[in-house]
Amino acid sequence: MLFAEETIDPQLVSPGVVGFVATILVTIATVLLLIDMVRRMRRVNMRAEINKKLDAEQAADTSAAESK
């Protein structure tokens, strides 16, 4: 039972301050990337909606001009 008598030093196996800081930085970077992605997705959706409205207006104008 030689292994049972050994104690593990917590300083050797814990990530410490460096691990905590690295985790916080990764979390902050992830949140910022998610915010940027949501902003870009909203922009794409708004552009698609505007293009859809413009296409509908153009189609209405074209059909009105052809019926004259």
C-alpha atoms as a PDB file:
ATOM      1  CA  MET A   1       0.000   0.000   0.000  1.00  0.00           C
ATOM      2  CA  LEU A   2       2.724   2.398  -0.896  1.00  0.00           C
ATOM      3  CA  PHE A   3       0.410   4.428  -3.145  1.00  0.00           C
ATOM      4  CA  ALA A   4      -2.184   5.064  -0.432  1.00  0.00           C
ATOM      5  CA  GLU A   5       0.360   6.738   1.803  1.00  0.00           C
ATOM      6  CA  GLU A   6       1.401   9.359  -0.743  1.00  0.00           C
ATOM      7  CA  THR A   7      -0.380  12.680  -0.620  1.00  0.00           C
ATOM      8  CA  ILE A   8      -0.745  14.826  -3.701  1.00  0.00           C
ATOM      9  CA  ASP A   9       0.325  18.431  -3.410  1.00  0.00           C
ATOM     10  CA  PRO A  10      -2.644  20.623  -4.468  1.00  0.00           C
ATOM     11  CA  GLN A  11      -0.261  23.185  -5.949  1.00  0.00           C
ATOM     12  CA  LEU A  12       0.972  20.637  -8.479  1.00  0.00           C
ATOM     13  CA  VAL A  13      -2.440  19.560  -9.768  1.00  0.00           C
ATOM     14  CA  SER A  14      -4.542  22.730  -9.639  1.00  0.00           C
ATOM     15  CA  PRO A  15      -4.559  25.207 -12.522  1.00  0.00           C
ATOM     16  CA  GLY A  16      -4.105  28.145 -10.174  1.00  0.00           C
ATOM     17  CA  VAL A  17      -4.399  31.762 -11.178  1.00  0.00           C
ATOM     18  CA  VAL A  18      -3.101  31.161 -14.704  1.00  0.00           C
ATOM     19  CA  GLY A  19      -5.827  28.621 -15.398  1.00  0.00           C
ATOM     20  CA  PHE A  20      -8.477  30.920 -13.964  1.00  0.00           C
ATOM     21  CA  VAL A  21      -7.310  33.848 -16.100  1.00  0.00           C
ATOM     22  CA  ALA A  22      -7.154  31.670 -19.217  1.00  0.00           C
ATOM     23  CA  THR A  23     -10.695  30.427 -18.593  1.00  0.00           C
ATOM     24  CA  ILE A  24     -11.987  33.967 -18.092  1.00  0.00           C
ATOM     25  CA  LEU A  25     -10.281  35.160 -21.295  1.00  0.00           C
ATOM     26  CA  VAL A  26     -11.754  32.297 -23.319  1.00  0.00           C
ATOM     27  CA  THR A  27     -15.192  33.027 -21.844  1.00  0.00           C
ATOM     28  CA  ILE A  28     -14.947  36.731 -22.660  1.00  0.00           C
ATOM     29  CA  ALA A  29     -13.775  35.985 -26.203  1.00  0.00           C
ATOM     30  CA  THR A  30     -16.665  33.547 -26.684  1.00  0.00           C
ATOM     31  CA  VAL A  31     -19.236  36.070 -25.459  1.00  0.00           C
ATOM     32  CA  LEU A  32     -17.830  38.777 -27.732  1.00  0.00           C
ATOM     33  CA  LEU A  33     -17.880  36.435 -30.725  1.00  0.00           C
ATOM     34  CA  LEU A  34     -21.477  35.454 -29.983  1.00  0.00           C
ATOM     35  CA  ILE A  35     -22.529  39.103 -29.734  1.00  0.00           C
ATOM     36  CA  ASP A  36     -20.815  39.839 -33.057  1.00  0.00           C
ATOM     37  CA  MET A  37     -22.447  36.813 -34.695  1.00  0.00           C
ATOM     38  CA  VAL A  38     -25.915  37.851 -33.503  1.00  0.00           C
ATOM     39  CA  ARG A  39     -25.345  41.370 -34.814  1.00  0.00           C
ATOM     40  CA  ARG A  40     -24.260  40.054 -38.212  1.00  0.00           C
ATOM     41  CA  MET A  41     -27.193  37.637 -38.409  1.00  0.00           C
ATOM     42  CA  ARG A  42     -29.627  40.469 -37.666  1.00  0.00           C
ATOM     43  CA  ARG A  43     -27.997  42.569 -40.367  1.00  0.00           C
ATOM     44  CA  VAL A  44     -28.282  39.738 -42.908  1.00  0.00           C
ATOM     45  CA  ASN A  45     -31.932  39.148 -41.992  1.00  0.00           C
ATOM     46  CA  MET A  46     -32.760  42.847 -42.296  1.00  0.00           C
ATOM     47  CA  ARG A  47     -31.064  43.074 -45.689  1.00  0.00           C
ATOM     48  CA  ALA A  48     -32.973  40.021 -46.895  1.00  0.00           C
ATOM     49  CA  GLU A  49     -36.253  41.534 -45.681  1.00  0.00           C
ATOM     50  CA  ILE A  50     -35.507  44.854 -47.381  1.00  0.00           C
ATOM     51  CA  ASN A  51     -34.549  43.088 -50.620  1.00  0.00           C
ATOM     52  CA  LYS A  52     -37.762  41.066 -50.471  1.00  0.00           C
ATOM     53  CA  LYS A  53     -39.833  44.251 -50.084  1.00  0.00           C
ATOM     54  CA  LEU A  54     -37.952  45.963 -52.923  1.00  0.00           C
ATOM     55  CA  ASP A  55     -38.462  42.951 -55.185  1.00  0.00           C
ATOM     56  CA  ALA A  56     -42.183  42.942 -54.382  1.00  0.00           C
ATOM     57  CA  GLU A  57     -42.444  46.669 -55.147  1.00  0.00           C
ATOM     58  CA  GLN A  58     -40.523  46.227 -58.380  1.00  0.00           C
ATOM     59  CA  ALA A  59     -42.749  43.323 -59.414  1.00  0.00           C
ATOM     60  CA  ALA A  60     -45.843  45.396 -58.635  1.00  0.00           C
ATOM     61  CA  ASP A  61     -44.493  48.327 -60.665  1.00  0.00           C
ATOM     62  CA  THR A  62     -43.623  46.031 -63.558  1.00  0.00           C
ATOM     63  CA  SER A  63     -47.048  44.402 -63.589  1.00  0.00           C
ATOM     64  CA  ALA A  64     -48.745  47.825 -63.356  1.00  0.00           C
ATOM     65  CA  ALA A  65     -46.675  49.127 -66.274  1.00  0.00           C
ATOM     66  CA  GLU A  66     -47.470  46.061 -68.392  1.00  0.00           C
ATOM     67  CA  SER A  67     -51.206  46.324 -67.776  1.00  0.00           C
ATOM     68  CA  LYS A  68     -51.363  49.907 -69.122  1.00  0.00           C
END
